[in-house]
Structure formats: C-alpha cells, structure tokens
Amino acid sequence: MFPLGKIRILKHIIKNLDKYVLKIKIDYGYDDATATFVTFRECILLHKEIIKYIDDYNLVLSNVSLMDYLQSSLELATIILQINSGNSFYTLFFVATCATCIICRTFIFYWYADQLTLEASDIARALFESNWYEQTKVVKQMVSIMLMRCNREVALYIGPFDKMSLRTFLAVIKGTYSFVAMLHTLS
C-alpha cells in the first residue's frame, strides 16, 4: 500500500498545486515564484522517493515474486486435483475454500501491482493538467524533467521475466489449468 498511497498523494498535490503553493506562501512567507519552486521541488523529491522504493522492492523481492508465481500455480493445481478425487462433502468444502482463498490472495497481489502501474502512469497526466504553463522558466524545466521521469514505467516485477499485472494473474490461472489438464490426461 505504501507506494500506491504515495503516488495518490503526489497526484493530489500536483492537481491542487495552487492550494499547496498558497499554504507554503502563508507558512514561510515566500513569494509566488519561490513557493511554486519549493512545491515542485518537493513533488520531484517525492516522485524520486517512490521510484527508489519500487526499485528497491524489485531488487529485493522480485525473485520471491517469481517463486510465489510458480508456487501459486502448483498449489492451485494440486488443490483442484484434490477436488476431482471425489472425497466427502466436508473435504470438498475445505479444498474449495482453500482454492478460493489462494485465488483471492493471488488476485489481490496482482491487482495491487496493476493499480500501482496505472496510478504511476497517471502522474504525467496530473502534471499536464496542472497550470505548469503559467509558471516561471525554472518551474517549467522542473516539470519537463519530471515528465521525462514519468516515461519510465513503474511496476513490480516477477523475477527477470515480466511485470506483475492482472494479465499475469490470468497467466497463473491458465498455468494452473494447463497443469491440471496435463495431470488429468496422464491419470
């Protein structure tokens, strides 16, 4: 939740730039140009912090995400095979509950990663919708630099292979189905 919340805060600040500039003017006694510069500088620092956090996350946990990706597919396939074995009602109910919980957990994880990518791509839109064209030359340069930084995709990754998204979640489900179909034909 941390980076997604920070991205939403950043977008809110950019969209309501005039309110934040006014607050800095009142709190610190700056003129318009200085208050706008300070506000944009803080936006840039927050954006850099978000990007660094996600880069650090990917560096540390992308391989763990890969293992989770593989484990989720195998776990779901094993549980679905248990459903096909035709046990008692209580066993089937327990296995179906486990499968539902695993699917929900996996969906939430990949949905969050997808939302993170979508929200991060909207930062450029928020910048464009702000009144950047009415600012000083220095602030316009800051906005253009931030727009260039927004071109870089912000995403959580599954090892070195792919980014996490709802499309990847569907790949987990398809992988599960393929594994179950293969085992079903072998037996």
Protein backbone atom coordinates (compact mmCIF):
# COMPACT_ATOMS: atom_id res chain seq x y z
CA MET A 1 0.00 0.00 0.00
CA PHE A 2 2.87 2.37 0.68
CA PRO A 3 3.89 3.31 -2.88
CA LEU A 4 0.31 3.44 -4.15
CA GLY A 5 -0.67 5.81 -1.35
CA LYS A 6 2.38 7.99 -2.02
CA ILE A 7 1.53 8.13 -5.74
CA ARG A 8 -2.02 9.23 -4.93
CA ILE A 9 -0.70 11.89 -2.55
CA LEU A 10 1.67 13.15 -5.26
CA LYS A 11 -1.14 13.31 -7.82
CA HIS A 12 -3.32 15.18 -5.32
CA ILE A 13 -0.59 17.75 -4.67
CA ILE A 14 0.00 18.26 -8.39
CA LYS A 15 -3.71 18.60 -9.17
CA ASN A 16 -4.22 21.06 -6.29
CA LEU A 17 -0.97 22.91 -6.79
CA ASP A 18 -2.43 26.36 -6.13
CA LYS A 19 -3.63 25.35 -2.65
CA TYR A 20 -0.23 23.94 -1.70
CA VAL A 21 1.63 26.95 -3.11
CA LEU A 22 -0.65 29.24 -1.08
CA LYS A 23 -0.03 27.18 2.05
CA ILE A 24 3.75 27.45 1.60
CA LYS A 25 3.43 31.19 0.94
CA ILE A 26 1.48 31.67 4.17
CA ASP A 27 3.57 29.31 6.31
CA TYR A 28 7.02 30.50 5.20
CA GLY A 29 6.38 33.98 3.81
CA TYR A 30 7.69 33.18 0.32
CA ASP A 31 6.67 35.00 -2.84
CA ASP A 32 4.73 33.17 -5.60
CA ALA A 33 7.74 32.08 -7.64
CA THR A 34 9.66 30.72 -4.64
CA ALA A 35 6.61 28.96 -3.19
CA THR A 36 5.89 27.31 -6.55
CA PHE A 37 9.54 26.28 -6.89
CA VAL A 38 9.54 24.77 -3.39
CA THR A 39 6.28 22.91 -4.04
CA PHE A 40 7.51 21.41 -7.31
CA ARG A 41 10.85 20.54 -5.73
CA GLU A 42 9.00 18.60 -3.03
CA CYS A 43 6.91 16.86 -5.71
CA ILE A 44 10.08 15.84 -7.54
CA LEU A 45 11.65 14.56 -4.33
CA LEU A 46 8.51 12.56 -3.52
CA HIS A 47 8.47 11.12 -7.04
CA LYS A 48 12.14 10.12 -6.75
CA GLU A 49 11.39 8.51 -3.37
CA ILE A 50 8.55 6.46 -4.89
CA ILE A 51 10.72 5.29 -7.78
CA LYS A 52 13.57 4.37 -5.43
CA TYR A 53 11.21 2.44 -3.16
CA ILE A 54 9.85 0.40 -6.07
CA ASP A 55 13.35 -0.20 -7.46
CA ASP A 56 14.48 -1.41 -4.03
CA TYR A 57 11.40 -3.61 -3.75
CA ASN A 58 12.10 -5.16 -7.14
CA LEU A 59 15.76 -5.67 -6.28
CA VAL A 60 14.96 -7.49 -3.05
CA LEU A 61 11.66 -9.24 -3.75
CA SER A 62 11.37 -9.88 -7.49
CA ASN A 63 12.82 -13.39 -7.12
CA VAL A 64 10.44 -14.05 -4.22
CA SER A 65 7.60 -12.93 -6.50
CA LEU A 66 8.81 -15.42 -9.11
CA MET A 67 8.72 -18.23 -6.57
CA ASP A 68 5.24 -17.11 -5.46
CA TYR A 69 4.12 -17.09 -9.10
CA LEU A 70 5.26 -20.69 -9.60
CA GLN A 71 4.06 -21.83 -6.19
CA SER A 72 0.59 -20.34 -6.68
CA SER A 73 0.11 -22.21 -9.94
CA LEU A 74 1.23 -25.52 -8.49
CA GLU A 75 -0.72 -25.05 -5.28
CA LEU A 76 -3.93 -24.27 -7.14
CA ALA A 77 -3.41 -27.21 -9.47
CA THR A 78 -2.87 -29.56 -6.55
CA ILE A 79 -5.98 -28.31 -4.79
CA ILE A 80 -8.08 -28.61 -7.94
CA LEU A 81 -6.86 -32.17 -8.42
CA GLN A 82 -7.97 -32.86 -4.85
CA ILE A 83 -11.46 -31.62 -5.77
CA ASN A 84 -11.55 -34.04 -8.71
CA SER A 85 -10.68 -37.00 -6.49
CA GLY A 86 -14.30 -37.21 -5.28
CA ASN A 87 -13.91 -37.20 -1.50
CA SER A 88 -16.56 -36.45 1.13
CA PHE A 89 -18.54 -33.23 1.16
CA TYR A 90 -16.52 -31.77 4.03
CA THR A 91 -13.23 -32.49 2.31
CA LEU A 92 -14.51 -30.95 -0.91
CA PHE A 93 -15.78 -27.92 1.00
CA PHE A 94 -12.41 -27.47 2.73
CA VAL A 95 -10.48 -27.85 -0.52
CA ALA A 96 -12.81 -25.44 -2.35
CA THR A 97 -12.38 -22.91 0.46
CA CYS A 98 -8.59 -23.24 0.24
CA ALA A 99 -8.69 -22.77 -3.54
CA THR A 100 -10.88 -19.70 -3.19
CA CYS A 101 -8.55 -18.18 -0.59
CA ILE A 102 -5.48 -18.80 -2.75
CA ILE A 103 -7.16 -17.32 -5.82
CA CYS A 104 -8.27 -14.26 -3.81
CA ARG A 105 -4.81 -13.75 -2.29
CA THR A 106 -3.14 -14.05 -5.67
CA PHE A 107 -5.70 -11.76 -7.30
CA ILE A 108 -5.23 -9.05 -4.65
CA PHE A 109 -1.45 -9.15 -5.01
CA TYR A 110 -1.53 -8.84 -8.81
CA TRP A 111 -4.37 -6.31 -8.77
CA TYR A 112 -2.34 -4.10 -6.44
CA ALA A 113 0.69 -4.30 -8.75
CA ASP A 114 -1.54 -3.44 -11.72
CA GLN A 115 -3.03 -0.46 -9.86
CA LEU A 116 0.46 0.73 -8.97
CA THR A 117 1.47 0.77 -12.63
CA LEU A 118 -1.75 2.53 -13.71
CA GLU A 119 -1.59 5.18 -10.98
CA ALA A 120 2.09 5.87 -11.67
CA SER A 121 1.35 6.42 -15.35
CA ASP A 122 -1.30 8.99 -14.37
CA ILE A 123 1.30 11.25 -12.72
CA ALA A 124 2.21 12.62 -16.15
CA ARG A 125 -1.47 13.37 -16.82
CA ALA A 126 -1.77 15.19 -13.49
CA LEU A 127 1.30 17.27 -14.37
CA PHE A 128 -0.12 18.10 -17.78
CA GLU A 129 -3.45 19.13 -16.25
CA SER A 130 -1.79 21.47 -13.75
CA ASN A 131 -1.13 25.12 -14.55
CA TRP A 132 2.53 24.48 -15.38
CA TYR A 133 2.35 26.75 -18.43
CA GLU A 134 1.75 29.78 -16.16
CA GLN A 135 4.91 29.17 -14.10
CA THR A 136 8.42 30.54 -14.27
CA LYS A 137 11.04 29.14 -16.64
CA VAL A 138 12.75 27.21 -13.82
CA VAL A 139 9.49 25.52 -12.78
CA LYS A 140 8.70 24.68 -16.42
CA GLN A 141 12.09 22.98 -16.68
CA MET A 142 11.37 21.07 -13.48
CA VAL A 143 8.04 19.94 -14.90
CA SER A 144 9.66 18.78 -18.15
CA ILE A 145 12.28 16.80 -16.20
CA MET A 146 9.55 15.20 -14.09
CA LEU A 147 7.58 14.38 -17.25
CA MET A 148 10.65 12.64 -18.68
CA ARG A 149 10.99 10.65 -15.46
CA CYS A 150 7.31 9.70 -15.76
CA ASN A 151 8.06 7.99 -19.09
CA ARG A 152 9.86 5.26 -17.17
CA GLU A 153 7.42 2.51 -16.28
CA VAL A 154 6.91 1.95 -12.58
CA ALA A 155 6.00 -1.68 -11.93
CA LEU A 156 6.57 -4.62 -9.65
CA TYR A 157 8.35 -7.47 -11.40
CA ILE A 158 8.27 -11.27 -11.29
CA GLY A 159 11.94 -12.07 -11.31
CA PRO A 160 13.62 -11.01 -14.55
CA PHE A 161 10.68 -12.12 -16.70
CA ASP A 162 7.61 -9.92 -16.60
CA LYS A 163 5.84 -7.25 -14.62
CA MET A 164 3.05 -8.14 -12.24
CA SER A 165 -0.39 -7.26 -13.57
CA LEU A 166 -3.86 -8.69 -13.96
CA ARG A 167 -2.65 -10.20 -17.23
CA THR A 168 -0.03 -12.09 -15.23
CA PHE A 169 -2.72 -13.24 -12.80
CA LEU A 170 -4.60 -14.73 -15.73
CA ALA A 171 -1.36 -16.47 -16.72
CA VAL A 172 -1.28 -18.05 -13.24
CA ILE A 173 -4.82 -19.31 -13.73
CA LYS A 174 -4.02 -20.57 -17.24
CA GLY A 175 -0.88 -22.27 -15.93
CA THR A 176 -2.94 -23.96 -13.26
CA TYR A 177 -5.44 -25.15 -15.84
CA SER A 178 -2.66 -26.48 -18.08
CA PHE A 179 -1.07 -28.34 -15.20
CA VAL A 180 -4.40 -29.86 -14.13
CA ALA A 181 -5.23 -30.84 -17.72
CA MET A 182 -1.83 -32.48 -18.14
CA LEU A 183 -2.14 -34.45 -14.90
CA HIS A 184 -5.72 -35.39 -15.70
CA THR A 185 -4.72 -36.83 -19.08
CA LEU A 186 -1.82 -38.73 -17.52
CA SER A 187 -4.07 -40.45 -14.98
